[in-house]
Amino acid sequence: MRGLVRSTIILALLIPPILLAQSSPSENEVKAAFVYNFAKFISWPTSVFQTAEQPLNIGVLGEKSAADRLMAMVQGKTANNRRIVVTGSTSINDLMKSQIIVFASTSETELKTHLDTLISQHILTVGEGDEFLERGGIIRLYVQDARVRFAVNVSVAEKTELSVSSSLLRLASDPGKPRSGD
């Protein structure tokens, strides 16, 4: 019972109050809220940030509307005492200084190439495709039973030297067996 209460509280923290106040946020708004909140539950190696004032950069690769939604969501917000900056681009090279890269729309060939390149970086990768985790992504967002859910590839996170909070892992679905409608 304690675990259920704790998980409910953590899940409530994942959804910003602005979305809770809306009658029904869109799927894309919920996904943007998840991305914003993932930043709060990930720890990067200390070498990633040069100064305590350096912002946390979220790059969005692909469609501009995804970057715009995320920018609107995080404007003026912080994660782990760092101001959040969102950059959108169609080139992975423009986003290499990001701590998080969201794959908004990428071909399967490009996705595999990009993820292979990023495995040697300290970058949290977030995407949506069925094989995103198998190709080397770290967090996959998906919809099941009309709810946005996520799965985490812990082994890739470890290879990139990112630490995923146990609280976040408890809420994640098994990447091979997403939870059915609880």
N, C-alpha and C. Protein backbone atom coordinates (compact mmCIF):
# COMPACT_ATOMS: atom_id res chain seq x y z
N MET A 1 0.82 -1.21 0.00
CA MET A 1 0.00 0.00 0.00
C MET A 1 0.86 1.26 0.00
N ARG A 2 1.95 1.25 0.81
CA ARG A 2 2.84 2.42 0.86
C ARG A 2 3.44 2.70 -0.51
N GLY A 3 3.80 1.60 -1.21
CA GLY A 3 4.37 1.75 -2.55
C GLY A 3 3.40 2.39 -3.52
N LEU A 4 2.13 2.02 -3.42
CA LEU A 4 1.11 2.59 -4.29
C LEU A 4 0.94 4.08 -4.01
N VAL A 5 0.91 4.45 -2.75
CA VAL A 5 0.78 5.87 -2.39
C VAL A 5 1.99 6.64 -2.88
N ARG A 6 3.20 6.09 -2.65
CA ARG A 6 4.43 6.76 -3.09
C ARG A 6 4.43 6.91 -4.61
N SER A 7 4.05 5.88 -5.35
CA SER A 7 4.01 5.94 -6.81
C SER A 7 3.00 6.96 -7.30
N THR A 8 1.86 7.06 -6.63
CA THR A 8 0.84 8.04 -7.00
C THR A 8 1.36 9.46 -6.80
N ILE A 9 2.06 9.68 -5.71
CA ILE A 9 2.63 11.01 -5.45
C ILE A 9 3.68 11.35 -6.50
N ILE A 10 4.55 10.41 -6.83
CA ILE A 10 5.58 10.67 -7.84
C ILE A 10 4.94 10.94 -9.19
N LEU A 11 3.93 10.16 -9.55
CA LEU A 11 3.26 10.38 -10.82
C LEU A 11 2.62 11.76 -10.86
N ALA A 12 2.05 12.20 -9.76
CA ALA A 12 1.46 13.54 -9.70
C ALA A 12 2.52 14.60 -9.92
N LEU A 13 3.73 14.35 -9.45
CA LEU A 13 4.82 15.29 -9.67
C LEU A 13 5.24 15.35 -11.13
N LEU A 14 5.00 14.27 -11.86
CA LEU A 14 5.37 14.24 -13.28
C LEU A 14 4.48 15.12 -14.14
N ILE A 15 3.26 15.37 -13.71
CA ILE A 15 2.34 16.17 -14.50
C ILE A 15 2.26 17.57 -13.88
N PRO A 16 2.72 18.59 -14.62
CA PRO A 16 2.69 19.95 -14.07
C PRO A 16 1.27 20.42 -13.76
N PRO A 17 1.13 21.29 -12.76
CA PRO A 17 -0.19 21.80 -12.38
C PRO A 17 -0.95 22.46 -13.52
N ILE A 18 -0.25 23.08 -14.46
CA ILE A 18 -0.94 23.74 -15.57
C ILE A 18 -1.75 22.72 -16.37
N LEU A 19 -1.25 21.49 -16.51
CA LEU A 19 -2.00 20.46 -17.24
C LEU A 19 -3.13 19.90 -16.40
N LEU A 20 -2.90 19.78 -15.10
CA LEU A 20 -3.95 19.24 -14.24
C LEU A 20 -5.16 20.17 -14.20
N ALA A 21 -4.93 21.47 -14.38
CA ALA A 21 -6.02 22.44 -14.34
C ALA A 21 -6.87 22.38 -15.61
N GLN A 22 -6.30 21.87 -16.71
CA GLN A 22 -7.05 21.78 -17.95
C GLN A 22 -7.99 20.59 -17.87
N SER A 23 -9.12 20.70 -18.57
CA SER A 23 -10.09 19.61 -18.53
C SER A 23 -9.52 18.33 -19.15
N SER A 24 -8.85 18.45 -20.27
CA SER A 24 -8.21 17.28 -20.86
C SER A 24 -7.05 17.73 -21.73
N PRO A 25 -5.85 17.65 -21.18
CA PRO A 25 -4.68 18.04 -21.98
C PRO A 25 -4.51 17.08 -23.15
N SER A 26 -3.93 17.58 -24.22
CA SER A 26 -3.72 16.73 -25.38
C SER A 26 -2.60 15.73 -25.10
N GLU A 27 -2.55 14.70 -25.90
CA GLU A 27 -1.51 13.69 -25.78
C GLU A 27 -0.12 14.33 -25.89
N ASN A 28 0.03 15.27 -26.83
CA ASN A 28 1.32 15.93 -27.01
C ASN A 28 1.71 16.80 -25.82
N GLU A 29 0.74 17.43 -25.18
CA GLU A 29 1.02 18.21 -23.98
C GLU A 29 1.47 17.32 -22.83
N VAL A 30 0.83 16.17 -22.71
CA VAL A 30 1.22 15.23 -21.66
C VAL A 30 2.64 14.72 -21.92
N LYS A 31 2.95 14.40 -23.18
CA LYS A 31 4.30 13.94 -23.51
C LYS A 31 5.33 15.02 -23.22
N ALA A 32 5.01 16.26 -23.53
CA ALA A 32 5.93 17.36 -23.23
C ALA A 32 6.14 17.48 -21.72
N ALA A 33 5.07 17.29 -20.95
CA ALA A 33 5.18 17.34 -19.49
C ALA A 33 6.07 16.21 -18.98
N PHE A 34 5.95 15.04 -19.55
CA PHE A 34 6.81 13.93 -19.15
C PHE A 34 8.27 14.27 -19.41
N VAL A 35 8.57 14.79 -20.60
CA VAL A 35 9.96 15.13 -20.93
C VAL A 35 10.51 16.15 -19.94
N TYR A 36 9.73 17.17 -19.66
CA TYR A 36 10.15 18.17 -18.68
C TYR A 36 10.47 17.52 -17.33
N ASN A 37 9.61 16.63 -16.91
CA ASN A 37 9.79 16.01 -15.60
C ASN A 37 10.86 14.93 -15.56
N PHE A 38 11.16 14.32 -16.71
CA PHE A 38 12.26 13.35 -16.71
C PHE A 38 13.55 14.03 -16.24
N ALA A 39 13.71 15.29 -16.59
CA ALA A 39 14.92 16.03 -16.20
C ALA A 39 15.10 16.08 -14.69
N LYS A 40 14.02 16.01 -13.95
CA LYS A 40 14.08 16.07 -12.49
C LYS A 40 14.51 14.74 -11.88
N PHE A 41 14.42 13.66 -12.64
CA PHE A 41 14.70 12.32 -12.10
C PHE A 41 15.93 11.67 -12.72
N ILE A 42 16.72 12.46 -13.41
CA ILE A 42 17.96 11.97 -14.03
C ILE A 42 19.12 12.75 -13.45
N SER A 43 20.23 12.05 -13.19
CA SER A 43 21.45 12.72 -12.73
C SER A 43 22.53 12.51 -13.79
N TRP A 44 23.18 13.60 -14.16
CA TRP A 44 24.25 13.57 -15.13
C TRP A 44 25.59 13.58 -14.41
N PRO A 45 26.63 13.07 -15.05
CA PRO A 45 27.97 13.17 -14.44
C PRO A 45 28.32 14.64 -14.21
N THR A 46 29.07 14.93 -13.18
CA THR A 46 29.40 16.32 -12.85
C THR A 46 30.16 17.01 -13.98
N SER A 47 30.86 16.26 -14.81
CA SER A 47 31.62 16.87 -15.91
C SER A 47 30.73 17.46 -17.01
N VAL A 48 29.45 17.11 -17.02
CA VAL A 48 28.55 17.59 -18.07
C VAL A 48 28.31 19.10 -17.95
N PHE A 49 28.24 19.59 -16.74
CA PHE A 49 27.97 21.01 -16.52
C PHE A 49 29.26 21.71 -16.07
N GLN A 50 29.64 22.74 -16.80
CA GLN A 50 30.87 23.46 -16.49
C GLN A 50 30.72 24.35 -15.26
N THR A 51 29.51 24.90 -15.07
CA THR A 51 29.26 25.79 -13.93
C THR A 51 27.91 25.45 -13.32
N ALA A 52 27.69 25.94 -12.11
CA ALA A 52 26.41 25.72 -11.42
C ALA A 52 25.29 26.50 -12.11
N GLU A 53 25.63 27.53 -12.84
CA GLU A 53 24.62 28.37 -13.51
C GLU A 53 24.27 27.87 -14.91
N GLN A 54 25.03 26.93 -15.44
CA GLN A 54 24.79 26.45 -16.79
C GLN A 54 23.39 25.85 -16.88
N PRO A 55 22.60 26.23 -17.90
CA PRO A 55 21.24 25.70 -18.01
C PRO A 55 21.24 24.23 -18.44
N LEU A 56 20.12 23.60 -18.23
CA LEU A 56 19.89 22.25 -18.74
C LEU A 56 19.28 22.43 -20.12
N ASN A 57 19.93 21.89 -21.13
CA ASN A 57 19.49 22.07 -22.50
C ASN A 57 18.72 20.85 -22.99
N ILE A 58 17.52 21.10 -23.50
CA ILE A 58 16.71 20.05 -24.11
C ILE A 58 16.64 20.35 -25.60
N GLY A 59 17.13 19.42 -26.41
CA GLY A 59 17.08 19.56 -27.86
C GLY A 59 15.94 18.73 -28.41
N VAL A 60 15.24 19.27 -29.38
CA VAL A 60 14.16 18.53 -30.03
C VAL A 60 14.54 18.37 -31.49
N LEU A 61 14.76 17.13 -31.89
CA LEU A 61 15.15 16.83 -33.26
C LEU A 61 13.92 16.51 -34.08
N GLY A 62 13.70 17.30 -35.13
CA GLY A 62 12.56 17.02 -36.01
C GLY A 62 11.57 18.15 -36.06
N GLU A 63 10.30 17.78 -35.94
CA GLU A 63 9.22 18.74 -36.17
C GLU A 63 9.24 19.92 -35.20
N LYS A 64 9.10 21.11 -35.78
CA LYS A 64 9.17 22.35 -35.01
C LYS A 64 8.05 22.45 -33.97
N SER A 65 6.88 21.93 -34.27
CA SER A 65 5.76 22.05 -33.34
C SER A 65 6.05 21.34 -32.01
N ALA A 66 6.81 20.24 -32.05
CA ALA A 66 7.17 19.54 -30.81
C ALA A 66 8.07 20.42 -29.95
N ALA A 67 9.03 21.09 -30.56
CA ALA A 67 9.90 22.00 -29.82
C ALA A 67 9.09 23.16 -29.26
N ASP A 68 8.16 23.69 -30.04
CA ASP A 68 7.33 24.81 -29.58
C ASP A 68 6.49 24.42 -28.37
N ARG A 69 5.89 23.21 -28.38
CA ARG A 69 5.09 22.73 -27.25
C ARG A 69 5.95 22.63 -25.99
N LEU A 70 7.13 22.06 -26.17
CA LEU A 70 8.01 21.89 -25.02
C LEU A 70 8.49 23.24 -24.50
N MET A 71 8.81 24.17 -25.40
CA MET A 71 9.22 25.51 -24.97
C MET A 71 8.13 26.18 -24.16
N ALA A 72 6.88 26.07 -24.62
CA ALA A 72 5.76 26.67 -23.90
C ALA A 72 5.61 26.05 -22.51
N MET A 73 5.84 24.76 -22.42
CA MET A 73 5.70 24.04 -21.16
C MET A 73 6.76 24.44 -20.13
N VAL A 74 7.99 24.65 -20.58
CA VAL A 74 9.09 24.84 -19.63
C VAL A 74 9.53 26.29 -19.46
N GLN A 75 8.91 27.19 -20.17
CA GLN A 75 9.31 28.60 -20.07
C GLN A 75 9.32 29.05 -18.62
N GLY A 76 10.48 29.51 -18.16
CA GLY A 76 10.63 30.01 -16.80
C GLY A 76 10.80 28.93 -15.75
N LYS A 77 10.87 27.67 -16.16
CA LYS A 77 10.97 26.57 -15.20
C LYS A 77 12.42 26.11 -15.03
N THR A 78 12.64 25.38 -13.95
CA THR A 78 13.95 24.81 -13.68
C THR A 78 13.81 23.32 -13.38
N ALA A 79 14.92 22.64 -13.47
CA ALA A 79 15.00 21.23 -13.07
C ALA A 79 16.36 21.06 -12.39
N ASN A 80 16.36 20.51 -11.21
CA ASN A 80 17.59 20.31 -10.45
C ASN A 80 18.37 21.63 -10.30
N ASN A 81 17.63 22.69 -10.04
CA ASN A 81 18.20 24.04 -9.84
C ASN A 81 18.87 24.60 -11.09
N ARG A 82 18.50 24.13 -12.24
CA ARG A 82 19.03 24.65 -13.50
C ARG A 82 17.88 25.16 -14.36
N ARG A 83 18.09 26.33 -14.92
CA ARG A 83 17.13 26.89 -15.87
C ARG A 83 17.09 25.97 -17.09
N ILE A 84 15.91 25.78 -17.65
CA ILE A 84 15.76 24.90 -18.82
C ILE A 84 15.70 25.75 -20.09
N VAL A 85 16.47 25.30 -21.09
CA VAL A 85 16.48 25.94 -22.39
C VAL A 85 16.13 24.86 -23.42
N VAL A 86 15.19 25.17 -24.32
CA VAL A 86 14.78 24.23 -25.36
C VAL A 86 15.23 24.76 -26.71
N THR A 87 15.83 23.87 -27.50
CA THR A 87 16.28 24.20 -28.85
C THR A 87 15.71 23.17 -29.80
N GLY A 88 15.16 23.63 -30.90
CA GLY A 88 14.67 22.72 -31.91
C GLY A 88 15.55 22.79 -33.14
N SER A 89 15.74 21.66 -33.81
CA SER A 89 16.56 21.63 -35.02
C SER A 89 16.24 20.37 -35.81
N THR A 90 16.58 20.41 -37.08
CA THR A 90 16.47 19.22 -37.91
C THR A 90 17.83 18.55 -38.07
N SER A 91 18.86 19.11 -37.42
CA SER A 91 20.21 18.55 -37.48
C SER A 91 20.68 18.13 -36.09
N ILE A 92 21.09 16.88 -35.95
CA ILE A 92 21.59 16.38 -34.68
C ILE A 92 22.82 17.16 -34.23
N ASN A 93 23.62 17.64 -35.18
CA ASN A 93 24.84 18.38 -34.83
C ASN A 93 24.53 19.66 -34.06
N ASP A 94 23.38 20.28 -34.33
CA ASP A 94 22.99 21.50 -33.62
C ASP A 94 22.61 21.21 -32.16
N LEU A 95 22.37 19.96 -31.83
CA LEU A 95 21.84 19.60 -30.51
C LEU A 95 22.85 18.86 -29.63
N MET A 96 24.07 18.73 -30.08
CA MET A 96 25.06 17.91 -29.36
C MET A 96 25.46 18.47 -28.00
N LYS A 97 25.14 19.71 -27.72
CA LYS A 97 25.44 20.27 -26.40
C LYS A 97 24.25 20.15 -25.44
N SER A 98 23.23 19.42 -25.88
CA SER A 98 22.04 19.20 -25.05
C SER A 98 22.30 18.10 -24.04
N GLN A 99 21.57 18.15 -22.94
CA GLN A 99 21.60 17.06 -21.97
C GLN A 99 20.47 16.06 -22.24
N ILE A 100 19.43 16.54 -22.92
CA ILE A 100 18.31 15.69 -23.33
C ILE A 100 18.05 15.96 -24.81
N ILE A 101 17.88 14.89 -25.58
CA ILE A 101 17.45 15.05 -26.98
C ILE A 101 16.17 14.24 -27.16
N VAL A 102 15.14 14.93 -27.64
CA VAL A 102 13.85 14.31 -27.93
C VAL A 102 13.79 14.10 -29.44
N PHE A 103 13.53 12.88 -29.85
CA PHE A 103 13.41 12.55 -31.27
C PHE A 103 11.95 12.71 -31.65
N ALA A 104 11.61 13.86 -32.25
CA ALA A 104 10.22 14.15 -32.59
C ALA A 104 9.80 13.49 -33.90
N SER A 105 10.70 13.45 -34.85
CA SER A 105 10.41 12.76 -36.11
C SER A 105 11.74 12.53 -36.82
N THR A 106 12.06 11.27 -36.99
CA THR A 106 13.32 10.88 -37.61
C THR A 106 13.09 9.56 -38.33
N SER A 107 13.73 9.41 -39.48
CA SER A 107 13.62 8.13 -40.20
C SER A 107 14.34 7.05 -39.40
N GLU A 108 13.98 5.79 -39.63
CA GLU A 108 14.59 4.67 -38.91
C GLU A 108 16.10 4.63 -39.13
N THR A 109 16.55 4.91 -40.36
CA THR A 109 17.98 4.89 -40.67
C THR A 109 18.70 5.99 -39.89
N GLU A 110 18.15 7.20 -39.93
CA GLU A 110 18.75 8.31 -39.19
C GLU A 110 18.73 8.05 -37.69
N LEU A 111 17.64 7.49 -37.20
CA LEU A 111 17.51 7.22 -35.78
C LEU A 111 18.64 6.32 -35.29
N LYS A 112 18.87 5.21 -35.97
CA LYS A 112 19.92 4.27 -35.58
C LYS A 112 21.28 4.95 -35.61
N THR A 113 21.56 5.72 -36.66
CA THR A 113 22.84 6.43 -36.77
C THR A 113 23.01 7.41 -35.63
N HIS A 114 21.97 8.20 -35.35
CA HIS A 114 22.04 9.20 -34.28
C HIS A 114 22.23 8.53 -32.92
N LEU A 115 21.46 7.48 -32.65
CA LEU A 115 21.57 6.82 -31.35
C LEU A 115 22.94 6.17 -31.17
N ASP A 116 23.50 5.62 -32.24
CA ASP A 116 24.85 5.05 -32.17
C ASP A 116 25.87 6.13 -31.80
N THR A 117 25.70 7.33 -32.36
CA THR A 117 26.60 8.45 -32.06
C THR A 117 26.43 8.91 -30.62
N LEU A 118 25.22 8.95 -30.13
CA LEU A 118 24.93 9.50 -28.81
C LEU A 118 25.28 8.56 -27.66
N ILE A 119 25.49 7.26 -27.94
CA ILE A 119 25.78 6.31 -26.88
C ILE A 119 27.07 6.68 -26.15
N SER A 120 27.97 7.38 -26.82
CA SER A 120 29.23 7.77 -26.18
C SER A 120 29.13 9.12 -25.48
N GLN A 121 27.96 9.73 -25.51
CA GLN A 121 27.74 11.04 -24.89
C GLN A 121 26.95 10.85 -23.59
N HIS A 122 26.85 11.90 -22.82
CA HIS A 122 26.04 11.88 -21.59
C HIS A 122 24.71 12.57 -21.87
N ILE A 123 23.95 12.01 -22.82
CA ILE A 123 22.71 12.63 -23.27
C ILE A 123 21.55 11.66 -23.08
N LEU A 124 20.50 12.14 -22.41
CA LEU A 124 19.28 11.36 -22.27
C LEU A 124 18.52 11.45 -23.58
N THR A 125 18.20 10.29 -24.17
CA THR A 125 17.45 10.28 -25.42
C THR A 125 16.02 9.82 -25.14
N VAL A 126 15.07 10.53 -25.75
CA VAL A 126 13.65 10.24 -25.56
C VAL A 126 13.01 10.15 -26.94
N GLY A 127 12.26 9.08 -27.17
CA GLY A 127 11.61 8.90 -28.46
C GLY A 127 10.34 8.10 -28.32
N GLU A 128 9.71 7.79 -29.47
CA GLU A 128 8.40 7.14 -29.42
C GLU A 128 8.28 5.86 -30.21
N GLY A 129 9.15 5.57 -31.11
CA GLY A 129 8.98 4.41 -31.98
C GLY A 129 8.97 3.08 -31.25
N ASP A 130 8.33 2.09 -31.87
CA ASP A 130 8.24 0.76 -31.26
C ASP A 130 9.60 0.17 -30.93
N GLU A 131 10.60 0.46 -31.73
CA GLU A 131 11.93 -0.11 -31.52
C GLU A 131 12.93 0.91 -30.98
N PHE A 132 12.45 2.01 -30.44
CA PHE A 132 13.36 3.07 -29.96
C PHE A 132 14.35 2.54 -28.92
N LEU A 133 13.88 1.77 -27.97
CA LEU A 133 14.76 1.25 -26.92
C LEU A 133 15.73 0.22 -27.48
N GLU A 134 15.26 -0.64 -28.36
CA GLU A 134 16.11 -1.67 -28.95
C GLU A 134 17.22 -1.06 -29.81
N ARG A 135 16.96 0.10 -30.37
CA ARG A 135 17.95 0.77 -31.22
C ARG A 135 18.97 1.58 -30.41
N GLY A 136 18.75 1.67 -29.09
CA GLY A 136 19.72 2.37 -28.25
C GLY A 136 19.19 3.63 -27.59
N GLY A 137 17.88 3.87 -27.65
CA GLY A 137 17.29 5.00 -26.95
C GLY A 137 17.16 4.69 -25.46
N ILE A 138 16.98 5.72 -24.65
CA ILE A 138 16.91 5.52 -23.20
C ILE A 138 15.47 5.51 -22.68
N ILE A 139 14.66 6.47 -23.09
CA ILE A 139 13.26 6.50 -22.63
C ILE A 139 12.34 6.52 -23.85
N ARG A 140 11.39 5.61 -23.85
CA ARG A 140 10.39 5.55 -24.92
C ARG A 140 9.04 5.96 -24.35
N LEU A 141 8.40 6.93 -24.99
CA LEU A 141 7.03 7.32 -24.66
C LEU A 141 6.10 6.58 -25.61
N TYR A 142 4.97 6.13 -25.10
CA TYR A 142 3.98 5.47 -25.94
C TYR A 142 2.61 5.63 -25.30
N VAL A 143 1.58 5.34 -26.07
CA VAL A 143 0.22 5.42 -25.58
C VAL A 143 -0.34 4.01 -25.52
N GLN A 144 -0.92 3.70 -24.36
CA GLN A 144 -1.57 2.40 -24.18
C GLN A 144 -2.82 2.64 -23.33
N ASP A 145 -3.91 2.08 -23.75
CA ASP A 145 -5.18 2.24 -23.03
C ASP A 145 -5.49 3.72 -22.81
N ALA A 146 -5.24 4.53 -23.84
CA ALA A 146 -5.53 5.97 -23.84
C ALA A 146 -4.72 6.74 -22.79
N ARG A 147 -3.59 6.16 -22.34
CA ARG A 147 -2.74 6.84 -21.35
C ARG A 147 -1.31 6.87 -21.87
N VAL A 148 -0.64 7.99 -21.63
CA VAL A 148 0.77 8.07 -21.99
C VAL A 148 1.57 7.31 -20.94
N ARG A 149 2.44 6.45 -21.41
CA ARG A 149 3.28 5.64 -20.54
C ARG A 149 4.72 5.77 -21.04
N PHE A 150 5.64 5.22 -20.26
CA PHE A 150 7.03 5.25 -20.70
C PHE A 150 7.76 4.01 -20.23
N ALA A 151 8.81 3.69 -20.96
CA ALA A 151 9.68 2.57 -20.62
C ALA A 151 11.11 3.09 -20.65
N VAL A 152 11.98 2.48 -19.85
CA VAL A 152 13.36 2.94 -19.72
C VAL A 152 14.31 1.79 -20.05
N ASN A 153 15.31 2.09 -20.87
CA ASN A 153 16.37 1.16 -21.18
C ASN A 153 17.52 1.46 -20.22
N VAL A 154 17.54 0.78 -19.10
CA VAL A 154 18.51 1.05 -18.02
C VAL A 154 19.93 0.77 -18.48
N SER A 155 20.13 -0.27 -19.26
CA SER A 155 21.51 -0.60 -19.68
C SER A 155 22.11 0.50 -20.54
N VAL A 156 21.33 1.11 -21.41
CA VAL A 156 21.85 2.22 -22.22
C VAL A 156 22.09 3.44 -21.33
N ALA A 157 21.20 3.70 -20.40
CA ALA A 157 21.41 4.82 -19.47
C ALA A 157 22.73 4.64 -18.73
N GLU A 158 23.01 3.43 -18.29
CA GLU A 158 24.28 3.16 -17.59
C GLU A 158 25.47 3.37 -18.51
N LYS A 159 25.37 2.96 -19.78
CA LYS A 159 26.47 3.16 -20.74
C LYS A 159 26.76 4.65 -20.95
N THR A 160 25.72 5.48 -20.88
CA THR A 160 25.91 6.92 -21.07
C THR A 160 26.24 7.62 -19.76
N GLU A 161 26.36 6.82 -18.68
CA GLU A 161 26.70 7.31 -17.34
C GLU A 161 25.63 8.22 -16.76
N LEU A 162 24.38 7.97 -17.14
CA LEU A 162 23.26 8.70 -16.55
C LEU A 162 22.67 7.84 -15.44
N SER A 163 22.26 8.50 -14.37
CA SER A 163 21.63 7.80 -13.26
C SER A 163 20.14 8.11 -13.27
N VAL A 164 19.35 7.06 -13.40
CA VAL A 164 17.89 7.21 -13.43
C VAL A 164 17.37 6.92 -12.02
N SER A 165 16.62 7.85 -11.47
CA SER A 165 16.07 7.70 -10.12
C SER A 165 15.25 6.42 -10.01
N SER A 166 15.40 5.75 -8.88
CA SER A 166 14.61 4.54 -8.65
C SER A 166 13.12 4.87 -8.62
N SER A 167 12.77 6.07 -8.20
CA SER A 167 11.36 6.49 -8.20
C SER A 167 10.80 6.50 -9.61
N LEU A 168 11.58 6.98 -10.56
CA LEU A 168 11.14 7.01 -11.95
C LEU A 168 11.07 5.59 -12.51
N LEU A 169 12.05 4.77 -12.17
CA LEU A 169 12.05 3.39 -12.66
C LEU A 169 10.85 2.60 -12.16
N ARG A 170 10.39 2.87 -10.96
CA ARG A 170 9.21 2.17 -10.44
C ARG A 170 7.96 2.50 -11.23
N LEU A 171 7.92 3.67 -11.83
CA LEU A 171 6.74 4.07 -12.61
C LEU A 171 6.81 3.61 -14.06
N ALA A 172 8.00 3.23 -14.50
CA ALA A 172 8.19 2.83 -15.89
C ALA A 172 7.63 1.44 -16.15
N SER A 173 7.25 1.22 -17.38
CA SER A 173 6.83 -0.11 -17.82
C SER A 173 8.06 -0.89 -18.23
N ASP A 174 7.98 -2.20 -18.17
CA ASP A 174 9.04 -3.05 -18.70
C ASP A 174 9.07 -2.79 -20.21
N PRO A 175 10.25 -2.47 -20.77
CA PRO A 175 10.29 -2.14 -22.21
C PRO A 175 9.79 -3.27 -23.11
N GLY A 176 9.95 -4.50 -22.69
CA GLY A 176 9.47 -5.61 -23.50
C GLY A 176 8.01 -5.91 -23.27
N LYS A 177 7.51 -5.53 -22.11
CA LYS A 177 6.14 -5.86 -21.74
C LYS A 177 5.47 -4.66 -21.09
N PRO A 178 5.05 -3.68 -21.90
CA PRO A 178 4.38 -2.51 -21.32
C PRO A 178 3.19 -2.94 -20.47
N ARG A 179 3.01 -2.23 -19.36
CA ARG A 179 1.89 -2.54 -18.46
C ARG A 179 0.57 -2.36 -19.16
N SER A 180 -0.36 -3.23 -18.87
CA SER A 180 -1.70 -3.04 -19.42
C SER A 180 -2.49 -2.16 -18.48
N GLY A 181 -3.62 -1.65 -18.94
CA GLY A 181 -4.38 -0.61 -18.25
C GLY A 181 -4.66 -0.83 -16.79
N ASP A 182 -3.77 -0.38 -15.90
CA ASP A 182 -4.03 -0.51 -14.48
C ASP A 182 -5.03 0.48 -14.00
